């Protein structure tokens, strides 16, 4: 695939996906706090940065329709494009009944599985009780591992008693330091550009590097040669 890395003079783009539905939403408040710290850190290092927020609440009906039909509608396309073009991602979900928000999970269920390959991602969640603190590691991290995102080691969780505690700010500092380092280095773009052909992809999908036409398919591989009726290359031919 052609190199699709971000031009060096373009601002870094940070996308926030918030699964909260209340107004104000604690998940959105936490995500905003994390995003502000990330953008500030990037700018202190000399990197222009911009933030786009995807609020899932107003898209709930569209997400449900996409789950049933298997095709995201027009109202979901801007969110998908933002994610495809993002240099970094902050995912924030409320925890309901010991699990991530169904709306949040459904949104990621309708995305192409290669949409956020190698994108730096920071995982966060809010809940009404600290008993749910491990939901991020138990449910969010496996989800983003399946989507092959580049998740930072530190996640952020906030229960009601955490909002005024200094330890929450310290954890946000650590997590955003990790996210900032990955975004500023461009390592996600490097990984995706160099290893893209080694991942399984959705043909004609929404990912930035997706194969959109038949002309983009590499038929000169052993598997594709067999699939098209040819013989695989012999060692002496390579």
Protein backbone atom coordinates (compact mmCIF):
# COMPACT_ATOMS: atom_id res chain seq x y z
CA UNK A 1 0.00 0.00 0.00
CA UNK A 2 1.08 3.57 -0.57
CA UNK A 3 2.50 5.51 2.34
CA UNK A 4 -0.37 7.40 3.96
CA UNK A 5 1.41 8.91 6.94
CA UNK A 6 0.37 12.34 8.17
CA UNK A 7 2.27 15.28 6.59
CA UNK A 8 4.85 16.65 9.01
CA UNK A 9 3.28 20.13 9.05
CA UNK A 10 -0.28 18.93 9.77
CA UNK A 11 -1.72 19.20 13.29
CA UNK A 12 -2.11 15.99 15.23
CA UNK A 13 -5.73 14.92 15.56
CA UNK A 14 -7.07 13.52 18.82
CA UNK A 15 -10.52 11.89 18.68
CA UNK A 16 -12.64 11.36 21.79
CA UNK A 17 -15.37 8.71 21.77
CA UNK A 18 -17.76 9.28 24.67
CA UNK A 19 -20.41 6.70 25.50
CA UNK A 20 -22.17 8.79 28.13
CA UNK A 21 -25.82 9.66 27.59
CA UNK A 22 -26.60 12.05 30.46
CA UNK A 23 -26.02 15.81 30.27
CA UNK A 24 -23.52 16.43 31.66
CA UNK A 25 -22.02 13.00 31.32
CA UNK A 26 -19.33 11.90 33.77
CA UNK A 27 -17.68 9.94 30.96
CA UNK A 28 -17.53 13.07 28.80
CA UNK A 29 -16.20 15.13 31.71
CA UNK A 30 -13.43 12.60 32.29
CA UNK A 31 -12.63 12.39 28.58
CA UNK A 32 -12.48 16.19 28.31
CA UNK A 33 -10.08 16.35 31.22
CA UNK A 34 -7.85 13.72 29.63
CA UNK A 35 -8.04 15.36 26.19
CA UNK A 36 -7.16 18.81 27.57
CA UNK A 37 -4.11 17.41 29.31
CA UNK A 38 -3.04 15.51 26.17
CA UNK A 39 -3.39 18.51 23.85
CA UNK A 40 -1.57 20.75 26.34
CA UNK A 41 1.31 18.28 26.55
CA UNK A 42 1.54 17.98 22.77
CA UNK A 43 1.61 21.76 22.35
CA UNK A 44 4.28 22.11 25.02
CA UNK A 45 6.39 19.76 22.89
CA UNK A 46 5.83 21.90 19.81
CA UNK A 47 3.08 19.84 18.16
CA UNK A 48 -0.07 21.53 16.92
CA UNK A 49 -3.09 19.49 17.99
CA UNK A 50 -6.85 19.50 17.51
CA UNK A 51 -9.61 17.51 19.21
CA UNK A 52 -12.76 16.01 17.70
CA UNK A 53 -15.46 14.58 19.97
CA UNK A 54 -17.82 11.77 18.96
CA UNK A 55 -20.83 11.78 21.29
CA UNK A 56 -22.60 8.44 20.95
CA UNK A 57 -25.84 9.46 22.68
CA UNK A 58 -27.24 11.44 19.72
CA UNK A 59 -26.21 8.61 17.38
CA UNK A 60 -27.91 5.84 19.37
CA UNK A 61 -30.73 5.21 16.85
CA UNK A 62 -28.28 5.22 13.94
CA UNK A 63 -26.01 2.76 15.75
CA UNK A 64 -28.95 0.43 16.44
CA UNK A 65 -30.01 0.58 12.79
CA UNK A 66 -26.45 -0.19 11.69
CA UNK A 67 -26.33 -3.22 14.01
CA UNK A 68 -29.49 -4.58 12.38
CA UNK A 69 -28.67 -3.70 8.78
CA UNK A 70 -24.93 -4.26 8.90
CA UNK A 71 -24.33 -0.92 7.17
CA UNK A 72 -23.58 2.35 8.99
CA UNK A 73 -25.81 5.15 7.71
CA UNK A 74 -24.90 8.65 6.62
CA UNK A 75 -25.10 10.16 10.11
CA UNK A 76 -22.39 7.76 11.28
CA UNK A 77 -20.00 8.43 8.41
CA UNK A 78 -18.44 11.64 9.86
CA UNK A 79 -17.59 9.77 13.07
CA UNK A 80 -16.07 6.90 11.10
CA UNK A 81 -14.02 9.30 8.97
CA UNK A 82 -12.76 11.09 12.08
CA UNK A 83 -11.63 7.80 13.60
CA UNK A 84 -9.97 6.67 10.39
CA UNK A 85 -7.94 9.90 10.20
CA UNK A 86 -7.11 10.15 13.93
CA UNK A 87 -3.56 10.24 15.26
CA UNK A 88 -4.78 9.28 18.71
CA UNK A 89 -7.94 8.12 20.46
CA UNK A 90 -9.49 8.55 23.89
CA UNK A 91 -12.27 6.06 24.61
CA UNK A 92 -14.59 6.83 27.53
CA UNK A 93 -17.53 4.71 28.60
CA UNK A 94 -19.85 4.56 31.60
CA UNK A 95 -20.10 1.21 33.36
CA UNK A 96 -23.59 -0.25 33.69
CA UNK A 97 -24.36 -3.50 35.54
CA UNK A 98 -20.70 -4.50 35.78
CA UNK A 99 -20.08 -3.98 32.06
CA UNK A 100 -19.25 -1.32 29.48
CA UNK A 101 -22.12 0.67 28.02
CA UNK A 102 -24.07 -1.30 25.42
CA UNK A 103 -24.17 1.81 23.23
CA UNK A 104 -20.38 2.14 23.40
CA UNK A 105 -19.84 -1.55 22.58
CA UNK A 106 -22.37 -1.44 19.74
CA UNK A 107 -20.59 1.51 18.13
CA UNK A 108 -17.31 -0.38 17.99
CA UNK A 109 -19.16 -3.50 16.81
CA UNK A 110 -20.24 -1.72 13.61
CA UNK A 111 -16.75 -0.45 12.72
CA UNK A 112 -14.42 -2.20 10.31
CA UNK A 113 -11.98 -4.20 12.38
CA UNK A 114 -9.05 -2.50 10.65
CA UNK A 115 -10.27 1.07 11.19
CA UNK A 116 -8.02 1.80 14.18
CA UNK A 117 -5.11 -0.56 13.52
CA UNK A 118 -2.03 0.73 15.37
CA UNK A 119 -3.75 3.94 16.51
CA UNK A 120 -2.58 5.08 19.96
CA UNK A 121 -5.55 4.76 22.31
CA UNK A 122 -6.18 5.67 25.94
CA UNK A 123 -8.94 3.71 27.68
CA UNK A 124 -11.14 5.23 30.39
CA UNK A 125 -14.41 4.60 32.21
CA UNK A 126 -16.63 6.02 34.92
CA UNK A 127 -18.98 4.24 37.32
CA UNK A 128 -21.04 4.77 40.43
CA UNK A 129 -18.88 2.45 42.47
CA UNK A 130 -15.19 1.63 42.71
CA UNK A 131 -16.20 -2.05 42.53
CA UNK A 132 -16.25 -1.59 38.74
CA UNK A 133 -12.65 -0.39 38.52
CA UNK A 134 -11.42 -3.50 36.71
CA UNK A 135 -13.99 -3.26 33.90
CA UNK A 136 -11.52 -1.23 31.83
CA UNK A 137 -8.90 -3.96 31.97
CA UNK A 138 -11.35 -6.85 31.83
CA UNK A 139 -13.55 -5.63 28.96
CA UNK A 140 -12.17 -2.53 27.24
CA UNK A 141 -8.60 -3.66 26.78
CA UNK A 142 -9.51 -7.00 25.12
CA UNK A 143 -11.90 -5.15 22.79
CA UNK A 144 -9.22 -2.72 21.63
CA UNK A 145 -6.66 -5.52 21.40
CA UNK A 146 -9.03 -7.28 18.99
CA UNK A 147 -9.28 -4.05 16.97
CA UNK A 148 -5.44 -3.95 17.02
CA UNK A 149 -5.22 -0.46 18.49
CA UNK A 150 -2.02 0.60 20.23
CA UNK A 151 -3.38 1.01 23.77
CA UNK A 152 -1.30 2.86 26.34
CA UNK A 153 -0.37 0.86 29.46
CA UNK A 154 -2.20 3.13 31.91
CA UNK A 155 -6.00 3.28 31.88
CA UNK A 156 -8.14 5.79 33.77
CA UNK A 157 -11.15 4.95 35.92
CA UNK A 158 -13.22 7.34 38.05
CA UNK A 159 -15.82 6.54 40.69
CA UNK A 160 -17.62 9.39 42.53
CA UNK A 161 -15.03 9.52 45.31
CA UNK A 162 -12.17 9.81 42.81
CA UNK A 163 -13.08 13.17 41.29
CA UNK A 164 -11.65 15.22 44.16
CA UNK A 165 -8.74 12.87 44.87
CA UNK A 166 -5.23 13.84 43.75
CA UNK A 167 -4.58 10.27 42.65
CA UNK A 168 -6.97 10.69 39.70
CA UNK A 169 -4.96 13.64 38.41
CA UNK A 170 -1.75 11.68 38.86
CA UNK A 171 -3.14 8.75 36.88
CA UNK A 172 -4.33 11.08 34.12
CA UNK A 173 -0.86 12.64 33.99
CA UNK A 174 0.75 9.22 33.60
CA UNK A 175 -1.73 8.01 30.99
CA UNK A 176 -1.55 11.20 28.91
CA UNK A 177 2.25 11.15 29.04
CA UNK A 178 2.11 7.71 27.42
CA UNK A 179 -0.47 8.79 24.83
CA UNK A 180 1.43 11.98 24.02
CA UNK A 181 4.66 10.07 23.48
CA UNK A 182 3.01 7.63 21.06
CA UNK A 183 1.20 10.34 19.12
CA UNK A 184 4.21 12.63 18.85
CA UNK A 185 6.50 9.83 17.71
CA UNK A 186 4.21 8.75 14.86
CA UNK A 187 4.91 5.13 15.76
CA UNK A 188 1.32 4.13 14.99
CA UNK A 189 1.64 5.36 11.41
CA UNK A 190 4.97 3.59 11.07
CA UNK A 191 3.56 0.28 12.30
CA UNK A 192 0.49 0.49 10.05
CA UNK A 193 2.49 1.50 6.97
CA UNK A 194 5.09 -1.22 7.36
CA UNK A 195 2.84 -4.07 8.53
CA UNK A 196 -0.50 -3.27 6.87
CA UNK A 197 -0.38 -6.20 4.47
CA UNK A 198 0.17 -8.58 7.37
CA UNK A 199 -3.21 -7.82 8.96
CA UNK A 200 -6.60 -9.15 7.97
CA UNK A 201 -8.70 -6.39 6.40
CA UNK A 202 -12.19 -5.55 5.25
CA UNK A 203 -12.19 -5.05 1.48
CA UNK A 204 -13.68 -1.68 0.52
CA UNK A 205 -13.76 -0.66 4.19
CA UNK A 206 -13.50 2.71 5.87
CA UNK A 207 -9.91 2.52 7.09
CA UNK A 208 -7.53 5.11 5.65
CA UNK A 209 -5.43 2.41 3.98
CA UNK A 210 -8.36 0.20 2.95
CA UNK A 211 -8.39 -1.43 -0.47
CA UNK A 212 -11.28 0.36 -2.16
CA UNK A 213 -11.00 -0.98 -5.72
CA UNK A 214 -9.98 -4.19 -7.43
CA UNK A 215 -6.90 -2.34 -8.70
CA UNK A 216 -5.68 -2.01 -5.12
CA UNK A 217 -5.54 -5.76 -4.52
CA UNK A 218 -2.11 -7.34 -4.65
CA UNK A 219 -2.58 -10.49 -6.75
CA UNK A 220 1.15 -11.27 -6.73
CA UNK A 221 1.10 -13.32 -3.53
CA UNK A 222 1.14 -17.13 -3.29
CA UNK A 223 -2.39 -17.23 -1.86
CA UNK A 224 -3.83 -14.89 -4.48
CA UNK A 225 -2.06 -16.75 -7.30
CA UNK A 226 -3.74 -19.97 -6.17
CA UNK A 227 -7.09 -18.21 -5.78
CA UNK A 228 -6.93 -16.89 -9.33
CA UNK A 229 -5.94 -20.23 -10.83
CA UNK A 230 -2.20 -19.69 -11.06
CA UNK A 231 0.67 -21.57 -9.48
CA UNK A 232 2.52 -20.19 -6.45
CA UNK A 233 6.01 -18.88 -7.10
CA UNK A 234 8.79 -21.40 -6.66
CA UNK A 235 11.77 -20.58 -4.47
CA UNK A 236 13.95 -20.33 -7.59
CA UNK A 237 11.60 -17.61 -8.91
CA UNK A 238 11.98 -15.37 -5.86
